[in-house]
Amino acid sequence: AAAAVHSLPGGISVFAGQRNDGFFVDLGAIFDLGDIRELNMAHLIPLA
């Protein structure tokens, strides 16, 4: 991966390739009718 960081004229650097996904979200819950598990528990809605 380090070898795939390329230096271009003018002080530009580029990289294109696979990386660890930086985004984080509870996909399984949020698409289940906007389920926020901890908020549901706070309002006494039972969850698995």
All heavy atoms as atom14 arrays in JSON, in Angstrom:
{
  "sequence": "AAAAVHSLPGGISVFAGQRNDGFFVDLGAIFDLGDIRELNMAHLIPLA",
  "atom14_mask": [
    [1, 1, 1, 1, 1, 0, 0, 0, 0, 0, 0, 0, 0, 0],
    [1, 1, 1, 1, 1, 0, 0, 0, 0, 0, 0, 0, 0, 0],
    [1, 1, 1, 1, 1, 0, 0, 0, 0, 0, 0, 0, 0, 0],
    [1, 1, 1, 1, 1, 0, 0, 0, 0, 0, 0, 0, 0, 0],
    [1, 1, 1, 1, 1, 1, 1, 0, 0, 0, 0, 0, 0, 0],
    [1, 1, 1, 1, 1, 1, 1, 1, 1, 1, 0, 0, 0, 0],
    [1, 1, 1, 1, 1, 1, 0, 0, 0, 0, 0, 0, 0, 0],
    [1, 1, 1, 1, 1, 1, 1, 1, 0, 0, 0, 0, 0, 0],
    [1, 1, 1, 1, 1, 1, 1, 0, 0, 0, 0, 0, 0, 0],
    [1, 1, 1, 1, 0, 0, 0, 0, 0, 0, 0, 0, 0, 0],
    [1, 1, 1, 1, 0, 0, 0, 0, 0, 0, 0, 0, 0, 0],
    [1, 1, 1, 1, 1, 1, 1, 1, 0, 0, 0, 0, 0, 0],
    [1, 1, 1, 1, 1, 1, 0, 0, 0, 0, 0, 0, 0, 0],
    [1, 1, 1, 1, 1, 1, 1, 0, 0, 0, 0, 0, 0, 0],
    [1, 1, 1, 1, 1, 1, 1, 1, 1, 1, 1, 0, 0, 0],
    [1, 1, 1, 1, 1, 0, 0, 0, 0, 0, 0, 0, 0, 0],
    [1, 1, 1, 1, 0, 0, 0, 0, 0, 0, 0, 0, 0, 0],
    [1, 1, 1, 1, 1, 1, 1, 1, 1, 0, 0, 0, 0, 0],
    [1, 1, 1, 1, 1, 1, 1, 1, 1, 1, 1, 0, 0, 0],
    [1, 1, 1, 1, 1, 1, 1, 1, 0, 0, 0, 0, 0, 0],
    [1, 1, 1, 1, 1, 1, 1, 1, 0, 0, 0, 0, 0, 0],
    [1, 1, 1, 1, 0, 0, 0, 0, 0, 0, 0, 0, 0, 0],
    [1, 1, 1, 1, 1, 1, 1, 1, 1, 1, 1, 0, 0, 0],
    [1, 1, 1, 1, 1, 1, 1, 1, 1, 1, 1, 0, 0, 0],
    [1, 1, 1, 1, 1, 1, 1, 0, 0, 0, 0, 0, 0, 0],
    [1, 1, 1, 1, 1, 1, 1, 1, 0, 0, 0, 0, 0, 0],
    [1, 1, 1, 1, 1, 1, 1, 1, 0, 0, 0, 0, 0, 0],
    [1, 1, 1, 1, 0, 0, 0, 0, 0, 0, 0, 0, 0, 0],
    [1, 1, 1, 1, 1, 0, 0, 0, 0, 0, 0, 0, 0, 0],
    [1, 1, 1, 1, 1, 1, 1, 1, 0, 0, 0, 0, 0, 0],
    [1, 1, 1, 1, 1, 1, 1, 1, 1, 1, 1, 0, 0, 0],
    [1, 1, 1, 1, 1, 1, 1, 1, 0, 0, 0, 0, 0, 0],
    [1, 1, 1, 1, 1, 1, 1, 1, 0, 0, 0, 0, 0, 0],
    [1, 1, 1, 1, 0, 0, 0, 0, 0, 0, 0, 0, 0, 0],
    [1, 1, 1, 1, 1, 1, 1, 1, 0, 0, 0, 0, 0, 0],
    [1, 1, 1, 1, 1, 1, 1, 1, 0, 0, 0, 0, 0, 0],
    [1, 1, 1, 1, 1, 1, 1, 1, 1, 1, 1, 0, 0, 0],
    [1, 1, 1, 1, 1, 1, 1, 1, 1, 0, 0, 0, 0, 0],
    [1, 1, 1, 1, 1, 1, 1, 1, 0, 0, 0, 0, 0, 0],
    [1, 1, 1, 1, 1, 1, 1, 1, 0, 0, 0, 0, 0, 0],
    [1, 1, 1, 1, 1, 1, 1, 1, 0, 0, 0, 0, 0, 0],
    [1, 1, 1, 1, 1, 0, 0, 0, 0, 0, 0, 0, 0, 0],
    [1, 1, 1, 1, 1, 1, 1, 1, 1, 1, 0, 0, 0, 0],
    [1, 1, 1, 1, 1, 1, 1, 1, 0, 0, 0, 0, 0, 0],
    [1, 1, 1, 1, 1, 1, 1, 1, 0, 0, 0, 0, 0, 0],
    [1, 1, 1, 1, 1, 1, 1, 0, 0, 0, 0, 0, 0, 0],
    [1, 1, 1, 1, 1, 1, 1, 1, 0, 0, 0, 0, 0, 0],
    [1, 1, 1, 1, 1, 0, 0, 0, 0, 0, 0, 0, 0, 0]
  ],
  "atom14_positions": [
    [[0.83, -1.21, 0.0], [0.0, 0.0, 0.0], [0.86, 1.26, 0.0], [0.54, 2.23, -0.7], [-0.93, -0.01, 1.2], [0.0, 0.0, 0.0], [0.0, 0.0, 0.0], [0.0, 0.0, 0.0], [0.0, 0.0, 0.0], [0.0, 0.0, 0.0], [0.0, 0.0, 0.0], [0.0, 0.0, 0.0], [0.0, 0.0, 0.0], [0.0, 0.0, 0.0]],
    [[1.95, 1.26, 0.76], [2.82, 2.43, 0.81], [3.46, 2.68, -0.55], [3.62, 3.84, -0.98], [3.9, 2.23, 1.87], [0.0, 0.0, 0.0], [0.0, 0.0, 0.0], [0.0, 0.0, 0.0], [0.0, 0.0, 0.0], [0.0, 0.0, 0.0], [0.0, 0.0, 0.0], [0.0, 0.0, 0.0], [0.0, 0.0, 0.0], [0.0, 0.0, 0.0]],
    [[3.8, 1.61, -1.26], [4.39, 1.77, -2.59], [3.38, 2.3, -3.59], [3.77, 2.85, -4.64], [4.95, 0.43, -3.07], [0.0, 0.0, 0.0], [0.0, 0.0, 0.0], [0.0, 0.0, 0.0], [0.0, 0.0, 0.0], [0.0, 0.0, 0.0], [0.0, 0.0, 0.0], [0.0, 0.0, 0.0], [0.0, 0.0, 0.0], [0.0, 0.0, 0.0]],
    [[2.09, 2.17, -3.29], [1.04, 2.65, -4.19], [0.64, 4.09, -3.91], [-0.3, 4.6, -4.53], [-0.18, 1.74, -4.08], [0.0, 0.0, 0.0], [0.0, 0.0, 0.0], [0.0, 0.0, 0.0], [0.0, 0.0, 0.0], [0.0, 0.0, 0.0], [0.0, 0.0, 0.0], [0.0, 0.0, 0.0], [0.0, 0.0, 0.0], [0.0, 0.0, 0.0]],
    [[1.32, 4.77, -3.0], [1.16, 6.22, -2.82], [2.12, 6.89, -3.79], [3.34, 6.76, -3.66], [1.43, 6.65, -1.37], [1.39, 8.17, -1.25], [0.42, 6.03, -0.43], [0.0, 0.0, 0.0], [0.0, 0.0, 0.0], [0.0, 0.0, 0.0], [0.0, 0.0, 0.0], [0.0, 0.0, 0.0], [0.0, 0.0, 0.0], [0.0, 0.0, 0.0]],
    [[1.6, 7.58, -4.77], [2.41, 8.15, -5.85], [2.52, 9.66, -5.69], [1.53, 10.35, -5.43], [1.79, 7.82, -7.2], [1.61, 6.35, -7.45], [2.65, 5.52, -7.78], [0.51, 5.56, -7.39], [2.21, 4.28, -7.93], [0.91, 4.28, -7.7], [0.0, 0.0, 0.0], [0.0, 0.0, 0.0], [0.0, 0.0, 0.0], [0.0, 0.0, 0.0]],
    [[3.73, 10.17, -5.87], [4.0, 11.6, -5.85], [3.96, 12.14, -7.27], [4.64, 11.6, -8.16], [5.36, 11.88, -5.21], [5.38, 11.46, -3.86], [0.0, 0.0, 0.0], [0.0, 0.0, 0.0], [0.0, 0.0, 0.0], [0.0, 0.0, 0.0], [0.0, 0.0, 0.0], [0.0, 0.0, 0.0], [0.0, 0.0, 0.0], [0.0, 0.0, 0.0]],
    [[3.17, 13.19, -7.48], [3.01, 13.79, -8.8], [3.58, 15.2, -8.81], [3.84, 15.79, -7.74], [1.52, 13.81, -9.17], [0.79, 12.46, -9.15], [-0.66, 12.65, -9.57], [1.48, 11.44, -10.04], [0.0, 0.0, 0.0], [0.0, 0.0, 0.0], [0.0, 0.0, 0.0], [0.0, 0.0, 0.0], [0.0, 0.0, 0.0], [0.0, 0.0, 0.0]],
    [[3.8, 15.77, -9.97], [4.34, 17.14, -10.03], [3.47, 18.13, -9.26], [2.25, 18.01, -9.19], [4.32, 17.44, -11.53], [4.41, 16.1, -12.19], [3.64, 15.17, -11.31], [0.0, 0.0, 0.0], [0.0, 0.0, 0.0], [0.0, 0.0, 0.0], [0.0, 0.0, 0.0], [0.0, 0.0, 0.0], [0.0, 0.0, 0.0], [0.0, 0.0, 0.0]],
    [[4.14, 19.13, -8.68], [3.44, 20.18, -7.97], [3.15, 19.87, -6.52], [2.41, 20.6, -5.86], [0.0, 0.0, 0.0], [0.0, 0.0, 0.0], [0.0, 0.0, 0.0], [0.0, 0.0, 0.0], [0.0, 0.0, 0.0], [0.0, 0.0, 0.0], [0.0, 0.0, 0.0], [0.0, 0.0, 0.0], [0.0, 0.0, 0.0], [0.0, 0.0, 0.0]],
    [[3.7, 18.77, -6.02], [3.47, 18.42, -4.62], [2.18, 17.67, -4.37], [1.7, 17.61, -3.23], [0.0, 0.0, 0.0], [0.0, 0.0, 0.0], [0.0, 0.0, 0.0], [0.0, 0.0, 0.0], [0.0, 0.0, 0.0], [0.0, 0.0, 0.0], [0.0, 0.0, 0.0], [0.0, 0.0, 0.0], [0.0, 0.0, 0.0], [0.0, 0.0, 0.0]],
    [[1.61, 17.06, -5.42], [0.37, 16.29, -5.31], [0.71, 14.83, -5.0], [1.66, 14.27, -5.54], [-0.44, 16.38, -6.61], [-0.88, 17.82, -6.86], [-1.65, 15.46, -6.58], [-1.55, 18.02, -8.2], [0.0, 0.0, 0.0], [0.0, 0.0, 0.0], [0.0, 0.0, 0.0], [0.0, 0.0, 0.0], [0.0, 0.0, 0.0], [0.0, 0.0, 0.0]],
    [[-0.08, 14.21, -4.14], [0.02, 12.77, -3.87], [-1.31, 12.12, -4.2], [-2.37, 12.71, -3.98], [0.36, 12.51, -2.39], [1.61, 13.06, -2.05], [0.0, 0.0, 0.0], [0.0, 0.0, 0.0], [0.0, 0.0, 0.0], [0.0, 0.0, 0.0], [0.0, 0.0, 0.0], [0.0, 0.0, 0.0], [0.0, 0.0, 0.0], [0.0, 0.0, 0.0]],
    [[-1.25, 10.88, -4.71], [-2.47, 10.14, -5.03], [-2.34, 8.7, -4.57], [-1.24, 8.15, -4.46], [-2.81, 10.17, -6.55], [-3.18, 11.55, -7.0], [-1.68, 9.58, -7.37], [0.0, 0.0, 0.0], [0.0, 0.0, 0.0], [0.0, 0.0, 0.0], [0.0, 0.0, 0.0], [0.0, 0.0, 0.0], [0.0, 0.0, 0.0], [0.0, 0.0, 0.0]],
    [[-3.5, 8.11, -4.32], [-3.59, 6.69, -3.99], [-4.94, 6.2, -4.5], [-5.95, 6.9, -4.41], [-3.52, 6.47, -2.47], [-3.8, 5.05, -2.06], [-2.78, 4.12, -1.96], [-5.1, 4.63, -1.77], [-3.04, 2.8, -1.6], [-5.37, 3.32, -1.41], [-4.34, 2.41, -1.32], [0.0, 0.0, 0.0], [0.0, 0.0, 0.0], [0.0, 0.0, 0.0]],
    [[-4.95, 4.98, -5.03], [-6.21, 4.35, -5.41], [-6.1, 2.86, -5.13], [-5.2, 2.2, -5.66], [-6.51, 4.59, -6.89], [0.0, 0.0, 0.0], [0.0, 0.0, 0.0], [0.0, 0.0, 0.0], [0.0, 0.0, 0.0], [0.0, 0.0, 0.0], [0.0, 0.0, 0.0], [0.0, 0.0, 0.0], [0.0, 0.0, 0.0], [0.0, 0.0, 0.0]],
    [[-6.98, 2.36, -4.28], [-6.93, 0.95, -3.94], [-7.8, 0.63, -2.75], [-8.52, 1.48, -2.22], [0.0, 0.0, 0.0], [0.0, 0.0, 0.0], [0.0, 0.0, 0.0], [0.0, 0.0, 0.0], [0.0, 0.0, 0.0], [0.0, 0.0, 0.0], [0.0, 0.0, 0.0], [0.0, 0.0, 0.0], [0.0, 0.0, 0.0], [0.0, 0.0, 0.0]],
    [[-7.72, -0.6, -2.3], [-8.56, -1.08, -1.21], [-8.09, -0.53, 0.14], [-6.9, -0.45, 0.41], [-8.53, -2.61, -1.18], [-9.56, -3.23, -0.25], [-9.51, -4.75, -0.28], [-8.47, -5.35, -0.06], [-10.65, -5.38, -0.56], [0.0, 0.0, 0.0], [0.0, 0.0, 0.0], [0.0, 0.0, 0.0], [0.0, 0.0, 0.0], [0.0, 0.0, 0.0]],
    [[-9.08, -0.17, 0.99], [-8.76, 0.3, 2.34], [-9.83, -0.23, 3.31], [-10.88, -0.75, 2.91], [-8.74, 1.83, 2.44], [-7.75, 2.54, 1.58], [-6.36, 1.97, 1.66], [-5.66, 2.2, 2.9], [-4.59, 1.51, 3.29], [-4.12, 0.53, 2.55], [-3.98, 1.79, 4.43], [0.0, 0.0, 0.0], [0.0, 0.0, 0.0], [0.0, 0.0, 0.0]],
    [[-9.52, -0.07, 4.58], [-10.47, -0.34, 5.65], [-11.6, 0.7, 5.57], [-11.33, 1.89, 5.45], [-9.74, -0.25, 6.99], [-10.49, -0.86, 8.14], [-11.71, -0.77, 8.22], [-9.76, -1.48, 9.05], [0.0, 0.0, 0.0], [0.0, 0.0, 0.0], [0.0, 0.0, 0.0], [0.0, 0.0, 0.0], [0.0, 0.0, 0.0], [0.0, 0.0, 0.0]],
    [[-12.83, 0.27, 5.64], [-13.94, 1.23, 5.58], [-13.99, 2.05, 6.86], [-14.11, 1.5, 7.95], [-15.27, 0.5, 5.36], [-16.39, 1.46, 4.98], [-16.26, 2.66, 5.24], [-17.38, 0.99, 4.41], [0.0, 0.0, 0.0], [0.0, 0.0, 0.0], [0.0, 0.0, 0.0], [0.0, 0.0, 0.0], [0.0, 0.0, 0.0], [0.0, 0.0, 0.0]],
    [[-13.92, 3.37, 6.73], [-13.89, 4.24, 7.9], [-15.25, 4.59, 8.45], [-15.35, 5.11, 9.57], [0.0, 0.0, 0.0], [0.0, 0.0, 0.0], [0.0, 0.0, 0.0], [0.0, 0.0, 0.0], [0.0, 0.0, 0.0], [0.0, 0.0, 0.0], [0.0, 0.0, 0.0], [0.0, 0.0, 0.0], [0.0, 0.0, 0.0], [0.0, 0.0, 0.0]],
    [[-16.32, 4.34, 7.7], [-17.66, 4.71, 8.13], [-18.18, 3.7, 9.14], [-17.9, 2.51, 9.03], [-18.58, 4.79, 6.92], [-19.98, 5.24, 7.24], [-20.22, 6.45, 7.85], [-21.06, 4.45, 6.9], [-21.51, 6.87, 8.13], [-22.36, 4.86, 7.16], [-22.58, 6.07, 7.79], [0.0, 0.0, 0.0], [0.0, 0.0, 0.0], [0.0, 0.0, 0.0]],
    [[-18.94, 4.17, 10.14], [-19.48, 3.26, 11.14], [-20.92, 3.63, 11.46], [-21.26, 4.79, 11.66], [-18.63, 3.25, 12.41], [-18.3, 4.6, 12.99], [-19.02, 5.13, 14.05], [-17.25, 5.35, 12.47], [-18.71, 6.36, 14.59], [-16.93, 6.6, 13.01], [-17.67, 7.1, 14.07], [0.0, 0.0, 0.0], [0.0, 0.0, 0.0], [0.0, 0.0, 0.0]],
    [[-21.77, 2.59, 11.44], [-23.19, 2.77, 11.72], [-23.78, 1.39, 11.98], [-23.3, 0.38, 11.45], [-23.91, 3.45, 10.53], [-23.85, 2.58, 9.29], [-25.35, 3.78, 10.87], [0.0, 0.0, 0.0], [0.0, 0.0, 0.0], [0.0, 0.0, 0.0], [0.0, 0.0, 0.0], [0.0, 0.0, 0.0], [0.0, 0.0, 0.0], [0.0, 0.0, 0.0]],
    [[-24.83, 1.34, 12.78], [-25.55, 0.09, 13.04], [-26.54, -0.12, 11.9], [-27.74, 0.15, 12.03], [-26.27, 0.18, 14.39], [-26.86, -1.15, 14.84], [-26.96, -2.06, 13.98], [-27.24, -1.27, 16.01], [0.0, 0.0, 0.0], [0.0, 0.0, 0.0], [0.0, 0.0, 0.0], [0.0, 0.0, 0.0], [0.0, 0.0, 0.0], [0.0, 0.0, 0.0]],
    [[-26.03, -0.62, 10.78], [-26.86, -0.75, 9.57], [-28.09, -1.62, 9.82], [-29.19, -1.3, 9.4], [-26.05, -1.36, 8.43], [-25.21, -0.44, 7.56], [-24.52, -1.25, 6.47], [-26.06, 0.65, 6.94], [0.0, 0.0, 0.0], [0.0, 0.0, 0.0], [0.0, 0.0, 0.0], [0.0, 0.0, 0.0], [0.0, 0.0, 0.0], [0.0, 0.0, 0.0]],
    [[-27.88, -2.76, 10.48], [-28.98, -3.69, 10.67], [-30.13, -3.1, 11.45], [-31.3, -3.41, 11.2], [0.0, 0.0, 0.0], [0.0, 0.0, 0.0], [0.0, 0.0, 0.0], [0.0, 0.0, 0.0], [0.0, 0.0, 0.0], [0.0, 0.0, 0.0], [0.0, 0.0, 0.0], [0.0, 0.0, 0.0], [0.0, 0.0, 0.0], [0.0, 0.0, 0.0]],
    [[-29.82, -2.22, 12.4], [-30.87, -1.6, 13.21], [-31.48, -0.39, 12.52], [-32.7, -0.24, 12.47], [-30.31, -1.2, 14.57], [0.0, 0.0, 0.0], [0.0, 0.0, 0.0], [0.0, 0.0, 0.0], [0.0, 0.0, 0.0], [0.0, 0.0, 0.0], [0.0, 0.0, 0.0], [0.0, 0.0, 0.0], [0.0, 0.0, 0.0], [0.0, 0.0, 0.0]],
    [[-30.64, 0.45, 11.94], [-31.13, 1.72, 11.42], [-32.09, 1.51, 10.25], [-33.02, 2.3, 10.03], [-29.96, 2.64, 11.01], [-30.35, 4.12, 11.12], [-29.44, 2.3, 9.64], [-30.49, 4.64, 12.52], [0.0, 0.0, 0.0], [0.0, 0.0, 0.0], [0.0, 0.0, 0.0], [0.0, 0.0, 0.0], [0.0, 0.0, 0.0], [0.0, 0.0, 0.0]],
    [[-31.9, 0.42, 9.5], [-32.82, 0.13, 8.41], [-34.0, -0.72, 8.85], [-34.87, -1.04, 8.04], [-32.08, -0.55, 7.25], [-31.17, 0.39, 6.51], [-29.89, 0.0, 6.12], [-31.58, 1.68, 6.2], [-29.06, 0.87, 5.45], [-30.75, 2.55, 5.51], [-29.48, 2.15, 5.15], [0.0, 0.0, 0.0], [0.0, 0.0, 0.0], [0.0, 0.0, 0.0]],
    [[-34.03, -1.07, 10.12], [-35.2, -1.76, 10.69], [-36.1, -0.71, 11.34], [-36.18, -0.59, 12.55], [-34.74, -2.81, 11.71], [-35.9, -3.64, 12.25], [-37.0, -3.61, 11.64], [-35.72, -4.3, 13.28], [0.0, 0.0, 0.0], [0.0, 0.0, 0.0], [0.0, 0.0, 0.0], [0.0, 0.0, 0.0], [0.0, 0.0, 0.0], [0.0, 0.0, 0.0]],
    [[-36.73, 0.09, 10.48], [-37.62, 1.17, 10.91], [-36.94, 2.14, 11.88], [-37.49, 2.53, 12.9], [-38.89, 0.58, 11.55], [-39.81, -0.19, 10.59], [-41.01, -0.75, 11.35], [-40.27, 0.7, 9.45], [0.0, 0.0, 0.0], [0.0, 0.0, 0.0], [0.0, 0.0, 0.0], [0.0, 0.0, 0.0], [0.0, 0.0, 0.0], [0.0, 0.0, 0.0]],
    [[-35.72, 2.55, 11.49], [-35.04, 3.59, 12.26], [-34.72, 3.21, 13.68], [-34.77, 4.05, 14.59], [0.0, 0.0, 0.0], [0.0, 0.0, 0.0], [0.0, 0.0, 0.0], [0.0, 0.0, 0.0], [0.0, 0.0, 0.0], [0.0, 0.0, 0.0], [0.0, 0.0, 0.0], [0.0, 0.0, 0.0], [0.0, 0.0, 0.0], [0.0, 0.0, 0.0]],
    [[-34.37, 1.96, 13.89], [-34.12, 1.46, 15.24], [-32.79, 1.98, 15.77], [-31.74, 1.75, 15.18], [-34.12, -0.08, 15.21], [-34.21, -0.68, 16.6], [-33.88, 0.0, 17.57], [-34.63, -1.85, 16.69], [0.0, 0.0, 0.0], [0.0, 0.0, 0.0], [0.0, 0.0, 0.0], [0.0, 0.0, 0.0], [0.0, 0.0, 0.0], [0.0, 0.0, 0.0]],
    [[-32.83, 2.71, 16.87], [-31.64, 3.09, 17.62], [-31.72, 2.31, 18.93], [-32.52, 2.62, 19.8], [-31.59, 4.6, 17.88], [-31.63, 5.36, 16.54], [-30.33, 4.97, 18.67], [-31.82, 6.85, 16.69], [0.0, 0.0, 0.0], [0.0, 0.0, 0.0], [0.0, 0.0, 0.0], [0.0, 0.0, 0.0], [0.0, 0.0, 0.0], [0.0, 0.0, 0.0]],
    [[-30.93, 1.26, 19.05], [-31.14, 0.26, 20.1], [-31.15, 0.88, 21.51], [-32.05, 0.62, 22.31], [-30.07, -0.82, 20.01], [-30.06, -1.55, 18.67], [-28.98, -2.62, 18.64], [-28.59, -2.97, 17.3], [-28.81, -4.15, 16.7], [-29.42, -5.09, 17.37], [-28.39, -4.39, 15.48], [0.0, 0.0, 0.0], [0.0, 0.0, 0.0], [0.0, 0.0, 0.0]],
    [[-30.14, 1.71, 21.79], [-30.06, 2.29, 23.13], [-31.22, 3.23, 23.41], [-31.73, 3.3, 24.53], [-28.72, 3.01, 23.31], [-27.52, 2.09, 23.47], [-26.96, 1.6, 22.13], [-27.6, 1.85, 21.07], [-25.89, 0.99, 22.13], [0.0, 0.0, 0.0], [0.0, 0.0, 0.0], [0.0, 0.0, 0.0], [0.0, 0.0, 0.0], [0.0, 0.0, 0.0]],
    [[-31.64, 3.98, 22.4], [-32.76, 4.9, 22.59], [-34.06, 4.13, 22.78], [-34.92, 4.54, 23.57], [-32.86, 5.84, 21.39], [-33.77, 7.07, 21.56], [-33.29, 7.92, 22.72], [-33.77, 7.89, 20.27], [0.0, 0.0, 0.0], [0.0, 0.0, 0.0], [0.0, 0.0, 0.0], [0.0, 0.0, 0.0], [0.0, 0.0, 0.0], [0.0, 0.0, 0.0]],
    [[-34.2, 3.02, 22.09], [-35.37, 2.17, 22.29], [-35.43, 1.66, 23.73], [-36.48, 1.65, 24.37], [-35.35, 0.99, 21.32], [-36.2, 1.26, 20.08], [-37.14, 2.04, 20.14], [-35.87, 0.62, 18.99], [0.0, 0.0, 0.0], [0.0, 0.0, 0.0], [0.0, 0.0, 0.0], [0.0, 0.0, 0.0], [0.0, 0.0, 0.0], [0.0, 0.0, 0.0]],
    [[-34.31, 1.2, 24.23], [-34.28, 0.68, 25.6], [-34.62, 1.78, 26.6], [-35.3, 1.54, 27.6], [-32.9, 0.1, 25.91], [-32.6, -1.2, 25.17], [-33.79, -2.52, 25.53], [-33.44, -2.81, 27.27], [0.0, 0.0, 0.0], [0.0, 0.0, 0.0], [0.0, 0.0, 0.0], [0.0, 0.0, 0.0], [0.0, 0.0, 0.0], [0.0, 0.0, 0.0]],
    [[-34.16, 2.99, 26.32], [-34.45, 4.09, 27.23], [-35.93, 4.4, 27.28], [-36.42, 4.96, 28.27], [-33.67, 5.33, 26.8], [0.0, 0.0, 0.0], [0.0, 0.0, 0.0], [0.0, 0.0, 0.0], [0.0, 0.0, 0.0], [0.0, 0.0, 0.0], [0.0, 0.0, 0.0], [0.0, 0.0, 0.0], [0.0, 0.0, 0.0], [0.0, 0.0, 0.0]],
    [[-36.65, 4.02, 26.22], [-38.09, 4.26, 26.2], [-38.88, 2.97, 26.34], [-40.01, 2.86, 25.86], [-38.46, 5.01, 24.91], [-38.0, 6.43, 24.95], [-36.71, 6.79, 24.66], [-38.65, 7.58, 25.27], [-36.58, 8.1, 24.8], [-37.74, 8.6, 25.16], [0.0, 0.0, 0.0], [0.0, 0.0, 0.0], [0.0, 0.0, 0.0], [0.0, 0.0, 0.0]],
    [[-38.22, 1.97, 26.95], [-38.9, 0.74, 27.39], [-39.5, -0.05, 26.24], [-40.55, -0.69, 26.38], [-39.97, 1.06, 28.44], [-39.48, 1.83, 29.67], [-40.65, 2.11, 30.61], [-38.39, 1.08, 30.39], [0.0, 0.0, 0.0], [0.0, 0.0, 0.0], [0.0, 0.0, 0.0], [0.0, 0.0, 0.0], [0.0, 0.0, 0.0], [0.0, 0.0, 0.0]],
    [[-38.84, 0.0, 25.08], [-39.27, -0.81, 23.95], [-38.34, -2.02, 23.89], [-37.13, -1.86, 23.7], [-39.2, -0.01, 22.63], [-40.1, 1.24, 22.75], [-39.62, -0.87, 21.44], [-39.96, 2.17, 21.58], [0.0, 0.0, 0.0], [0.0, 0.0, 0.0], [0.0, 0.0, 0.0], [0.0, 0.0, 0.0], [0.0, 0.0, 0.0], [0.0, 0.0, 0.0]],
    [[-38.83, -3.22, 24.1], [-37.93, -4.38, 24.21], [-37.23, -4.69, 22.9], [-37.8, -4.59, 21.82], [-38.89, -5.51, 24.61], [-40.22, -5.09, 24.09], [-40.25, -3.6, 24.24], [0.0, 0.0, 0.0], [0.0, 0.0, 0.0], [0.0, 0.0, 0.0], [0.0, 0.0, 0.0], [0.0, 0.0, 0.0], [0.0, 0.0, 0.0], [0.0, 0.0, 0.0]],
    [[-35.96, -5.05, 23.02], [-35.14, -5.42, 21.88], [-34.36, -6.69, 22.19], [-34.04, -6.97, 23.35], [-34.14, -4.3, 21.56], [-34.69, -3.01, 20.97], [-33.59, -1.97, 20.97], [-35.17, -3.25, 19.56], [0.0, 0.0, 0.0], [0.0, 0.0, 0.0], [0.0, 0.0, 0.0], [0.0, 0.0, 0.0], [0.0, 0.0, 0.0], [0.0, 0.0, 0.0]],
    [[-34.05, -7.43, 21.13], [-33.22, -8.62, 21.33], [-31.81, -8.21, 21.72], [-31.17, -8.87, 22.54], [-33.2, -9.46, 20.06], [0.0, 0.0, 0.0], [0.0, 0.0, 0.0], [0.0, 0.0, 0.0], [0.0, 0.0, 0.0], [0.0, 0.0, 0.0], [0.0, 0.0, 0.0], [0.0, 0.0, 0.0], [0.0, 0.0, 0.0], [0.0, 0.0, 0.0]]
  ]
}
